[in-house]
Amino acid sequence: MPEANYNKVISEIKTLTLSDQLRLLEETATLIRKKTSEIKPRSILELKGKGKDIWKGINVKAYIDEERSSWNG
């Protein structure tokens, strides 16, 4: 939504009574809940194997030792 449309909607909301603003808020929350319930949950397991090429040829123990030594300054 372009900024001008967003600002127009906000201006119109401000003209509503408190009761209508609350009703609008509830209806908007319901719409958002419905949309988010349709989204398939993601799994951390989808990341398995991603970036493994970066670690090829790296000595893991040496890398970890170097990182840990940098923590102590």
PDB file of N, CA and C in Angstrom:
ATOM      1  N   MET A   1       0.860  -1.181   0.000  1.00  0.00           N
ATOM      2  CA  MET A   1       0.000   0.000   0.000  1.00  0.00           C
ATOM      3  C   MET A   1       0.897   1.232   0.000  1.00  0.00           C
ATOM      4  N   PRO A   2       0.712   2.081  -0.983  1.00  0.00           N
ATOM      5  CA  PRO A   2       1.498   3.318  -1.006  1.00  0.00           C
ATOM      6  C   PRO A   2       1.254   4.149   0.252  1.00  0.00           C
ATOM      7  N   GLU A   3       2.246   4.937   0.594  1.00  0.00           N
ATOM      8  CA  GLU A   3       2.197   5.767   1.811  1.00  0.00           C
ATOM      9  C   GLU A   3       0.970   6.670   1.850  1.00  0.00           C
ATOM     10  N   ALA A   4       0.608   7.239   0.718  1.00  0.00           N
ATOM     11  CA  ALA A   4      -0.554   8.144   0.672  1.00  0.00           C
ATOM     12  C   ALA A   4      -1.834   7.405   1.043  1.00  0.00           C
ATOM     13  N   ASN A   5      -2.003   6.189   0.524  1.00  0.00           N
ATOM     14  CA  ASN A   5      -3.186   5.385   0.857  1.00  0.00           C
ATOM     15  C   ASN A   5      -3.191   5.019   2.336  1.00  0.00           C
ATOM     16  N   TYR A   6      -2.035   4.646   2.857  1.00  0.00           N
ATOM     17  CA  TYR A   6      -1.917   4.288   4.276  1.00  0.00           C
ATOM     18  C   TYR A   6      -2.334   5.474   5.149  1.00  0.00           C
ATOM     19  N   ASN A   7      -1.798   6.646   4.842  1.00  0.00           N
ATOM     20  CA  ASN A   7      -2.121   7.850   5.617  1.00  0.00           C
ATOM     21  C   ASN A   7      -3.607   8.191   5.519  1.00  0.00           C
ATOM     22  N   LYS A   8      -4.196   7.965   4.343  1.00  0.00           N
ATOM     23  CA  LYS A   8      -5.622   8.226   4.164  1.00  0.00           C
ATOM     24  C   LYS A   8      -6.443   7.289   5.048  1.00  0.00           C
ATOM     25  N   VAL A   9      -6.066   6.022   5.076  1.00  0.00           N
ATOM     26  CA  VAL A   9      -6.781   5.044   5.903  1.00  0.00           C
ATOM     27  C   VAL A   9      -6.662   5.426   7.374  1.00  0.00           C
ATOM     28  N   ILE A  10      -5.472   5.793   7.822  1.00  0.00           N
ATOM     29  CA  ILE A  10      -5.272   6.201   9.213  1.00  0.00           C
ATOM     30  C   ILE A  10      -6.140   7.414   9.544  1.00  0.00           C
ATOM     31  N   SER A  11      -6.188   8.368   8.638  1.00  0.00           N
ATOM     32  CA  SER A  11      -7.023   9.560   8.856  1.00  0.00           C
ATOM     33  C   SER A  11      -8.493   9.182   8.998  1.00  0.00           C
ATOM     34  N   GLU A  12      -8.936   8.249   8.160  1.00  0.00           N
ATOM     35  CA  GLU A  12     -10.331   7.810   8.231  1.00  0.00           C
ATOM     36  C   GLU A  12     -10.609   7.054   9.528  1.00  0.00           C
ATOM     37  N   ILE A  13      -9.663   6.255   9.969  1.00  0.00           N
ATOM     38  CA  ILE A  13      -9.833   5.518  11.225  1.00  0.00           C
ATOM     39  C   ILE A  13      -9.999   6.490  12.389  1.00  0.00           C
ATOM     40  N   LYS A  14      -9.240   7.578  12.357  1.00  0.00           N
ATOM     41  CA  LYS A  14      -9.315   8.566  13.435  1.00  0.00           C
ATOM     42  C   LYS A  14     -10.689   9.225  13.528  1.00  0.00           C
ATOM     43  N   THR A  15     -11.442   9.219  12.433  1.00  0.00           N
ATOM     44  CA  THR A  15     -12.778   9.832  12.457  1.00  0.00           C
ATOM     45  C   THR A  15     -13.836   8.889  13.033  1.00  0.00           C
ATOM     46  N   LEU A  16     -13.496   7.621  13.170  1.00  0.00           N
ATOM     47  CA  LEU A  16     -14.452   6.653  13.711  1.00  0.00           C
ATOM     48  C   LEU A  16     -14.616   6.838  15.212  1.00  0.00           C
ATOM     49  N   THR A  17     -15.752   6.403  15.700  1.00  0.00           N
ATOM     50  CA  THR A  17     -15.964   6.409  17.151  1.00  0.00           C
ATOM     51  C   THR A  17     -15.056   5.354  17.772  1.00  0.00           C
ATOM     52  N   LEU A  18     -14.850   5.474  19.065  1.00  0.00           N
ATOM     53  CA  LEU A  18     -14.022   4.489  19.762  1.00  0.00           C
ATOM     54  C   LEU A  18     -14.584   3.083  19.585  1.00  0.00           C
ATOM     55  N   SER A  19     -15.887   2.971  19.655  1.00  0.00           N
ATOM     56  CA  SER A  19     -16.539   1.672  19.483  1.00  0.00           C
ATOM     57  C   SER A  19     -16.240   1.082  18.105  1.00  0.00           C
ATOM     58  N   ASP A  20     -16.350   1.908  17.074  1.00  0.00           N
ATOM     59  CA  ASP A  20     -16.060   1.432  15.714  1.00  0.00           C
ATOM     60  C   ASP A  20     -14.573   1.131  15.524  1.00  0.00           C
ATOM     61  N   GLN A  21     -13.701   1.907  16.151  1.00  0.00           N
ATOM     62  CA  GLN A  21     -12.259   1.631  16.076  1.00  0.00           C
ATOM     63  C   GLN A  21     -11.956   0.275  16.706  1.00  0.00           C
ATOM     64  N   LEU A  22     -12.571  -0.014  17.851  1.00  0.00           N
ATOM     65  CA  LEU A  22     -12.356  -1.306  18.509  1.00  0.00           C
ATOM     66  C   LEU A  22     -12.888  -2.449  17.654  1.00  0.00           C
ATOM     67  N   ARG A  23     -14.062  -2.244  17.044  1.00  0.00           N
ATOM     68  CA  ARG A  23     -14.634  -3.260  16.158  1.00  0.00           C
ATOM     69  C   ARG A  23     -13.718  -3.503  14.960  1.00  0.00           C
ATOM     70  N   LEU A  24     -13.192  -2.426  14.402  1.00  0.00           N
ATOM     71  CA  LEU A  24     -12.267  -2.541  13.276  1.00  0.00           C
ATOM     72  C   LEU A  24     -11.005  -3.298  13.686  1.00  0.00           C
ATOM     73  N   LEU A  25     -10.505  -2.983  14.864  1.00  0.00           N
ATOM     74  CA  LEU A  25      -9.313  -3.657  15.372  1.00  0.00           C
ATOM     75  C   LEU A  25      -9.553  -5.163  15.515  1.00  0.00           C
ATOM     76  N   GLU A  26     -10.706  -5.540  16.070  1.00  0.00           N
ATOM     77  CA  GLU A  26     -11.036  -6.955  16.242  1.00  0.00           C
ATOM     78  C   GLU A  26     -11.159  -7.667  14.905  1.00  0.00           C
ATOM     79  N   GLU A  27     -11.835  -7.021  13.947  1.00  0.00           N
ATOM     80  CA  GLU A  27     -11.996  -7.629  12.627  1.00  0.00           C
ATOM     81  C   GLU A  27     -10.655  -7.757  11.908  1.00  0.00           C
ATOM     82  N   THR A  28      -9.804  -6.761  12.041  1.00  0.00           N
ATOM     83  CA  THR A  28      -8.473  -6.819  11.426  1.00  0.00           C
ATOM     84  C   THR A  28      -7.646  -7.938  12.048  1.00  0.00           C
ATOM     85  N   ALA A  29      -7.705  -8.065  13.359  1.00  0.00           N
ATOM     86  CA  ALA A  29      -6.971  -9.136  14.045  1.00  0.00           C
ATOM     87  C   ALA A  29      -7.454 -10.505  13.570  1.00  0.00           C
ATOM     88  N   THR A  30      -8.757 -10.647  13.377  1.00  0.00           N
ATOM     89  CA  THR A  30      -9.312 -11.913  12.882  1.00  0.00           C
ATOM     90  C   THR A  30      -8.794 -12.216  11.482  1.00  0.00           C
ATOM     91  N   LEU A  31      -8.786 -11.212  10.613  1.00  0.00           N
ATOM     92  CA  LEU A  31      -8.265 -11.409   9.253  1.00  0.00           C
ATOM     93  C   LEU A  31      -6.800 -11.836   9.271  1.00  0.00           C
ATOM     94  N   ILE A  32      -6.014 -11.193  10.113  1.00  0.00           N
ATOM     95  CA  ILE A  32      -4.584 -11.510  10.188  1.00  0.00           C
ATOM     96  C   ILE A  32      -4.381 -12.921  10.729  1.00  0.00           C
ATOM     97  N   ARG A  33      -5.157 -13.295  11.761  1.00  0.00           N
ATOM     98  CA  ARG A  33      -5.037 -14.652  12.306  1.00  0.00           C
ATOM     99  C   ARG A  33      -5.350 -15.696  11.242  1.00  0.00           C
ATOM    100  N   LYS A  34      -6.389 -15.461  10.449  1.00  0.00           N
ATOM    101  CA  LYS A  34      -6.756 -16.407   9.384  1.00  0.00           C
ATOM    102  C   LYS A  34      -5.629 -16.536   8.371  1.00  0.00           C
ATOM    103  N   LYS A  35      -5.040 -15.407   7.979  1.00  0.00           N
ATOM    104  CA  LYS A  35      -3.953 -15.443   6.994  1.00  0.00           C
ATOM    105  C   LYS A  35      -2.726 -16.163   7.552  1.00  0.00           C
ATOM    106  N   THR A  36      -2.390 -15.880   8.813  1.00  0.00           N
ATOM    107  CA  THR A  36      -1.194 -16.498   9.376  1.00  0.00           C
ATOM    108  C   THR A  36      -1.408 -17.977   9.650  1.00  0.00           C
ATOM    109  N   SER A  37      -2.651 -18.399   9.883  1.00  0.00           N
ATOM    110  CA  SER A  37      -2.898 -19.822  10.116  1.00  0.00           C
ATOM    111  C   SER A  37      -2.767 -20.620   8.821  1.00  0.00           C
ATOM    112  N   GLU A  38      -2.863 -19.949   7.690  1.00  0.00           N
ATOM    113  CA  GLU A  38      -2.715 -20.608   6.391  1.00  0.00           C
ATOM    114  C   GLU A  38      -1.252 -20.817   6.013  1.00  0.00           C
ATOM    115  N   ILE A  39      -0.350 -20.124   6.693  1.00  0.00           N
ATOM    116  CA  ILE A  39       1.074 -20.227   6.381  1.00  0.00           C
ATOM    117  C   ILE A  39       1.623 -21.515   6.982  1.00  0.00           C
ATOM    118  N   LYS A  40       2.283 -22.298   6.141  1.00  0.00           N
ATOM    119  CA  LYS A  40       2.868 -23.553   6.596  1.00  0.00           C
ATOM    120  C   LYS A  40       4.044 -23.254   7.525  1.00  0.00           C
ATOM    121  N   PRO A  41       4.052 -23.865   8.713  1.00  0.00           N
ATOM    122  CA  PRO A  41       5.176 -23.629   9.626  1.00  0.00           C
ATOM    123  C   PRO A  41       6.483 -24.135   9.010  1.00  0.00           C
ATOM    124  N   ARG A  42       7.556 -23.440   9.284  1.00  0.00           N
ATOM    125  CA  ARG A  42       8.877 -23.829   8.770  1.00  0.00           C
ATOM    126  C   ARG A  42       9.602 -24.643   9.835  1.00  0.00           C
ATOM    127  N   SER A  43      10.520 -25.439   9.412  1.00  0.00           N
ATOM    128  CA  SER A  43      11.292 -26.271  10.322  1.00  0.00           C
ATOM    129  C   SER A  43      12.767 -25.901  10.222  1.00  0.00           C
ATOM    130  N   ILE A  44      13.423 -25.896  11.368  1.00  0.00           N
ATOM    131  CA  ILE A  44      14.873 -25.651  11.398  1.00  0.00           C
ATOM    132  C   ILE A  44      15.602 -26.723  10.586  1.00  0.00           C
ATOM    133  N   LEU A  45      14.995 -27.886  10.464  1.00  0.00           N
ATOM    134  CA  LEU A  45      15.626 -28.988   9.726  1.00  0.00           C
ATOM    135  C   LEU A  45      15.757 -28.687   8.228  1.00  0.00           C
ATOM    136  N   GLU A  46      15.010 -27.708   7.739  1.00  0.00           N
ATOM    137  CA  GLU A  46      15.133 -27.307   6.335  1.00  0.00           C
ATOM    138  C   GLU A  46      16.518 -26.729   6.044  1.00  0.00           C
ATOM    139  N   LEU A  47      17.214 -26.305   7.066  1.00  0.00           N
ATOM    140  CA  LEU A  47      18.538 -25.704   6.888  1.00  0.00           C
ATOM    141  C   LEU A  47      19.657 -26.749   6.845  1.00  0.00           C
ATOM    142  N   LYS A  48      19.318 -28.005   7.106  1.00  0.00           N
ATOM    143  CA  LYS A  48      20.332 -29.057   7.124  1.00  0.00           C
ATOM    144  C   LYS A  48      21.096 -29.074   5.803  1.00  0.00           C
ATOM    145  N   GLY A  49      22.416 -29.014   5.921  1.00  0.00           N
ATOM    146  CA  GLY A  49      23.288 -29.081   4.751  1.00  0.00           C
ATOM    147  C   GLY A  49      23.548 -27.743   4.076  1.00  0.00           C
ATOM    148  N   LYS A  50      22.825 -26.711   4.460  1.00  0.00           N
ATOM    149  CA  LYS A  50      23.036 -25.393   3.842  1.00  0.00           C
ATOM    150  C   LYS A  50      24.393 -24.835   4.274  1.00  0.00           C
ATOM    151  N   GLY A  51      25.173 -24.377   3.346  1.00  0.00           N
ATOM    152  CA  GLY A  51      26.463 -23.774   3.645  1.00  0.00           C
ATOM    153  C   GLY A  51      27.580 -24.760   3.933  1.00  0.00           C
ATOM    154  N   LYS A  52      27.319 -26.047   3.729  1.00  0.00           N
ATOM    155  CA  LYS A  52      28.354 -27.033   4.064  1.00  0.00           C
ATOM    156  C   LYS A  52      29.608 -26.855   3.210  1.00  0.00           C
ATOM    157  N   ASP A  53      29.464 -26.311   2.026  1.00  0.00           N
ATOM    158  CA  ASP A  53      30.626 -26.099   1.156  1.00  0.00           C
ATOM    159  C   ASP A  53      31.612 -25.114   1.776  1.00  0.00           C
ATOM    160  N   ILE A  54      31.114 -24.179   2.580  1.00  0.00           N
ATOM    161  CA  ILE A  54      31.966 -23.170   3.206  1.00  0.00           C
ATOM    162  C   ILE A  54      32.991 -23.830   4.134  1.00  0.00           C
ATOM    163  N   TRP A  55      32.601 -24.950   4.746  1.00  0.00           N
ATOM    164  CA  TRP A  55      33.445 -25.590   5.756  1.00  0.00           C
ATOM    165  C   TRP A  55      34.391 -26.647   5.178  1.00  0.00           C
ATOM    166  N   LYS A  56      34.324 -26.904   3.873  1.00  0.00           N
ATOM    167  CA  LYS A  56      35.206 -27.907   3.272  1.00  0.00           C
ATOM    168  C   LYS A  56      36.658 -27.487   3.451  1.00  0.00           C
ATOM    169  N   GLY A  57      37.485 -28.410   3.891  1.00  0.00           N
ATOM    170  CA  GLY A  57      38.919 -28.163   4.021  1.00  0.00           C
ATOM    171  C   GLY A  57      39.304 -27.374   5.264  1.00  0.00           C
ATOM    172  N   ILE A  58      38.380 -27.103   6.154  1.00  0.00           N
ATOM    173  CA  ILE A  58      38.692 -26.351   7.369  1.00  0.00           C
ATOM    174  C   ILE A  58      38.828 -27.322   8.542  1.00  0.00           C
ATOM    175  N   ASN A  59      39.916 -27.158   9.273  1.00  0.00           N
ATOM    176  CA  ASN A  59      40.135 -27.964  10.470  1.00  0.00           C
ATOM    177  C   ASN A  59      39.250 -27.390  11.575  1.00  0.00           C
ATOM    178  N   VAL A  60      38.219 -28.144  11.946  1.00  0.00           N
ATOM    179  CA  VAL A  60      37.222 -27.651  12.886  1.00  0.00           C
ATOM    180  C   VAL A  60      37.837 -27.322  14.240  1.00  0.00           C
ATOM    181  N   LYS A  61      38.692 -28.200  14.755  1.00  0.00           N
ATOM    182  CA  LYS A  61      39.294 -27.962  16.068  1.00  0.00           C
ATOM    183  C   LYS A  61      40.135 -26.692  16.058  1.00  0.00           C
ATOM    184  N   ALA A  62      40.946 -26.506  15.015  1.00  0.00           N
ATOM    185  CA  ALA A  62      41.779 -25.300  14.916  1.00  0.00           C
ATOM    186  C   ALA A  62      40.895 -24.052  14.821  1.00  0.00           C
ATOM    187  N   TYR A  63      39.822 -24.139  14.070  1.00  0.00           N
ATOM    188  CA  TYR A  63      38.905 -22.997  13.921  1.00  0.00           C
ATOM    189  C   TYR A  63      38.288 -22.629  15.269  1.00  0.00           C
ATOM    190  N   ILE A  64      37.786 -23.622  15.974  1.00  0.00           N
ATOM    191  CA  ILE A  64      37.157 -23.376  17.280  1.00  0.00           C
ATOM    192  C   ILE A  64      38.172 -22.824  18.273  1.00  0.00           C
ATOM    193  N   ASP A  65      39.364 -23.406  18.303  1.00  0.00           N
ATOM    194  CA  ASP A  65      40.415 -22.912  19.206  1.00  0.00           C
ATOM    195  C   ASP A  65      40.740 -21.448  18.909  1.00  0.00           C
ATOM    196  N   GLU A  66      40.840 -21.100  17.634  1.00  0.00           N
ATOM    197  CA  GLU A  66      41.143 -19.716  17.246  1.00  0.00           C
ATOM    198  C   GLU A  66      40.022 -18.781  17.672  1.00  0.00           C
ATOM    199  N   GLU A  67      38.766 -19.189  17.460  1.00  0.00           N
ATOM    200  CA  GLU A  67      37.628 -18.360  17.864  1.00  0.00           C
ATOM    201  C   GLU A  67      37.624 -18.144  19.378  1.00  0.00           C
ATOM    202  N   ARG A  68      37.817 -19.226  20.114  1.00  0.00           N
ATOM    203  CA  ARG A  68      37.788 -19.115  21.583  1.00  0.00           C
ATOM    204  C   ARG A  68      38.913 -18.245  22.101  1.00  0.00           C
ATOM    205  N   SER A  69      40.076 -18.316  21.483  1.00  0.00           N
ATOM    206  CA  SER A  69      41.188 -17.488  21.949  1.00  0.00           C
ATOM    207  C   SER A  69      40.915 -16.007  21.672  1.00  0.00           C
ATOM    208  N   SER A  70      40.114 -15.717  20.651  1.00  0.00           N
ATOM    209  CA  SER A  70      39.816 -14.313  20.353  1.00  0.00           C
ATOM    210  C   SER A  70      38.856 -13.716  21.384  1.00  0.00           C
ATOM    211  N   TRP A  71      38.107 -14.543  22.109  1.00  0.00           N
ATOM    212  CA  TRP A  71      37.178 -14.059  23.133  1.00  0.00           C
ATOM    213  C   TRP A  71      37.913 -13.435  24.308  1.00  0.00           C
ATOM    214  N   ASN A  72      39.120 -13.918  24.553  1.00  0.00           N
ATOM    215  CA  ASN A  72      39.885 -13.439  25.724  1.00  0.00           C
ATOM    216  C   ASN A  72      40.712 -12.208  25.407  1.00  0.00           C
ATOM    217  N   GLY A  73      40.641 -11.751  24.195  1.00  0.00           N
ATOM    218  CA  GLY A  73      41.346 -10.533  23.833  1.00  0.00           C
ATOM    219  C   GLY A  73      42.691 -10.814  23.423  1.00  0.00           C
TER     220      GLY A  73
END
